[in-house]
Structure formats: structure tokens, C-alpha cells
Amino acid sequence: MRILVDEEKLAGNYKALWDWRDNWGKEVSSGVYLYRLKVEGQGLKLTKTKKLILLK
């Protein structure tokens, strides 16, 4: 599992960019990947897992 962002942010819109590399710096192959978004704060606790399809 690769963590792209692990820090507190104020409310707003943000982007997290992935360079298509794994934890060891190797480019990943085409395939289906899962990503997870966790949000907590002010009584809100939300976790979403979605699919990402990478085609090269």
C-alpha cells in the first residue's frame, strides 16, 4: 500500500498526484487499483474506497 497524503488539511479542494510508481520506485503495470479516502473531523467520519483503472 502506498500512502500519497497523510496530513491534516483545512476544508477545501485538494489534488493528490500519483507518479504511477510503487513503494520501491518501479512503474506499476496496467490494471485495476483501489484507492481510499478517509475524512474525520467535527463529528464527521467517512471512509470511501474506489476503483481506478490504469491503461497504458
C-alpha atoms as a PDB file:
ATOM      1  CA  MET A   1       0.000   0.000   0.000  1.00  0.00           C
ATOM      2  CA  ARG A   2       1.328   3.415  -0.933  1.00  0.00           C
ATOM      3  CA  ILE A   3       0.231   6.488   1.034  1.00  0.00           C
ATOM      4  CA  LEU A   4       0.106   9.623  -1.098  1.00  0.00           C
ATOM      5  CA  VAL A   5      -1.099  12.110   1.530  1.00  0.00           C
ATOM      6  CA  ASP A   6      -1.026  11.673   5.317  1.00  0.00           C
ATOM      7  CA  GLU A   7      -1.563  15.076   6.876  1.00  0.00           C
ATOM      8  CA  GLU A   8      -4.314  17.270   8.231  1.00  0.00           C
ATOM      9  CA  LYS A   9      -5.826  19.751   5.807  1.00  0.00           C
ATOM     10  CA  LEU A  10      -8.296  22.570   6.215  1.00  0.00           C
ATOM     11  CA  ALA A  11     -11.629  22.221   4.428  1.00  0.00           C
ATOM     12  CA  GLY A  12     -11.277  22.802   0.709  1.00  0.00           C
ATOM     13  CA  ASN A  13     -10.392  21.165  -2.592  1.00  0.00           C
ATOM     14  CA  TYR A  14      -7.105  19.333  -2.985  1.00  0.00           C
ATOM     15  CA  LYS A  15      -5.337  17.106  -5.512  1.00  0.00           C
ATOM     16  CA  ALA A  16      -3.039  14.191  -4.815  1.00  0.00           C
ATOM     17  CA  LEU A  17      -0.837  13.162  -7.732  1.00  0.00           C
ATOM     18  CA  TRP A  18       0.484   9.640  -8.182  1.00  0.00           C
ATOM     19  CA  ASP A  19       3.527   9.105 -10.392  1.00  0.00           C
ATOM     20  CA  TRP A  20       2.399   5.538 -11.216  1.00  0.00           C
ATOM     21  CA  ARG A  21       5.214   4.047  -9.118  1.00  0.00           C
ATOM     22  CA  ASP A  22       5.062   1.543  -6.289  1.00  0.00           C
ATOM     23  CA  ASN A  23       6.761   1.785  -2.885  1.00  0.00           C
ATOM     24  CA  TRP A  24      10.054   0.630  -4.437  1.00  0.00           C
ATOM     25  CA  GLY A  25      10.060   3.209  -7.243  1.00  0.00           C
ATOM     26  CA  LYS A  26       9.074   0.783 -10.011  1.00  0.00           C
ATOM     27  CA  GLU A  27       6.393   1.797 -12.509  1.00  0.00           C
ATOM     28  CA  VAL A  28       3.185  -0.151 -11.968  1.00  0.00           C
ATOM     29  CA  SER A  29       1.515  -2.044 -14.805  1.00  0.00           C
ATOM     30  CA  SER A  30      -1.903  -1.507 -16.343  1.00  0.00           C
ATOM     31  CA  GLY A  31      -4.656  -2.850 -14.138  1.00  0.00           C
ATOM     32  CA  VAL A  32      -7.304  -2.089 -11.559  1.00  0.00           C
ATOM     33  CA  TYR A  33      -6.157  -0.294  -8.406  1.00  0.00           C
ATOM     34  CA  LEU A  34      -8.069   0.696  -5.283  1.00  0.00           C
ATOM     35  CA  TYR A  35      -7.756   3.999  -3.501  1.00  0.00           C
ATOM     36  CA  ARG A  36      -9.184   5.048  -0.143  1.00  0.00           C
ATOM     37  CA  LEU A  37     -10.220   8.446   1.171  1.00  0.00           C
ATOM     38  CA  LYS A  38     -10.634   8.921   4.911  1.00  0.00           C
ATOM     39  CA  VAL A  39     -12.163  12.085   6.373  1.00  0.00           C
ATOM     40  CA  GLU A  40     -12.569  12.812  10.074  1.00  0.00           C
ATOM     41  CA  GLY A  41     -13.416  15.981  11.957  1.00  0.00           C
ATOM     42  CA  GLN A  42     -16.211  17.956  13.544  1.00  0.00           C
ATOM     43  CA  GLY A  43     -18.306  14.860  14.182  1.00  0.00           C
ATOM     44  CA  LEU A  44     -17.800  13.535  10.645  1.00  0.00           C
ATOM     45  CA  LYS A  45     -16.152  10.191   9.986  1.00  0.00           C
ATOM     46  CA  LEU A  46     -16.154   8.982   6.384  1.00  0.00           C
ATOM     47  CA  THR A  47     -14.197   6.321   4.505  1.00  0.00           C
ATOM     48  CA  LYS A  48     -14.629   5.735   0.784  1.00  0.00           C
ATOM     49  CA  THR A  49     -12.861   3.111  -1.326  1.00  0.00           C
ATOM     50  CA  LYS A  50     -12.994   3.463  -5.108  1.00  0.00           C
ATOM     51  CA  LYS A  51     -11.540   1.730  -8.174  1.00  0.00           C
ATOM     52  CA  LEU A  52      -9.049   3.289 -10.538  1.00  0.00           C
ATOM     53  CA  ILE A  53      -8.372   1.709 -13.928  1.00  0.00           C
ATOM     54  CA  LEU A  54      -4.898   2.368 -15.308  1.00  0.00           C
ATOM     55  CA  LEU A  55      -4.417   1.760 -19.030  1.00  0.00           C
ATOM     56  CA  LYS A  56      -1.020   2.315 -20.611  1.00  0.00           C
END
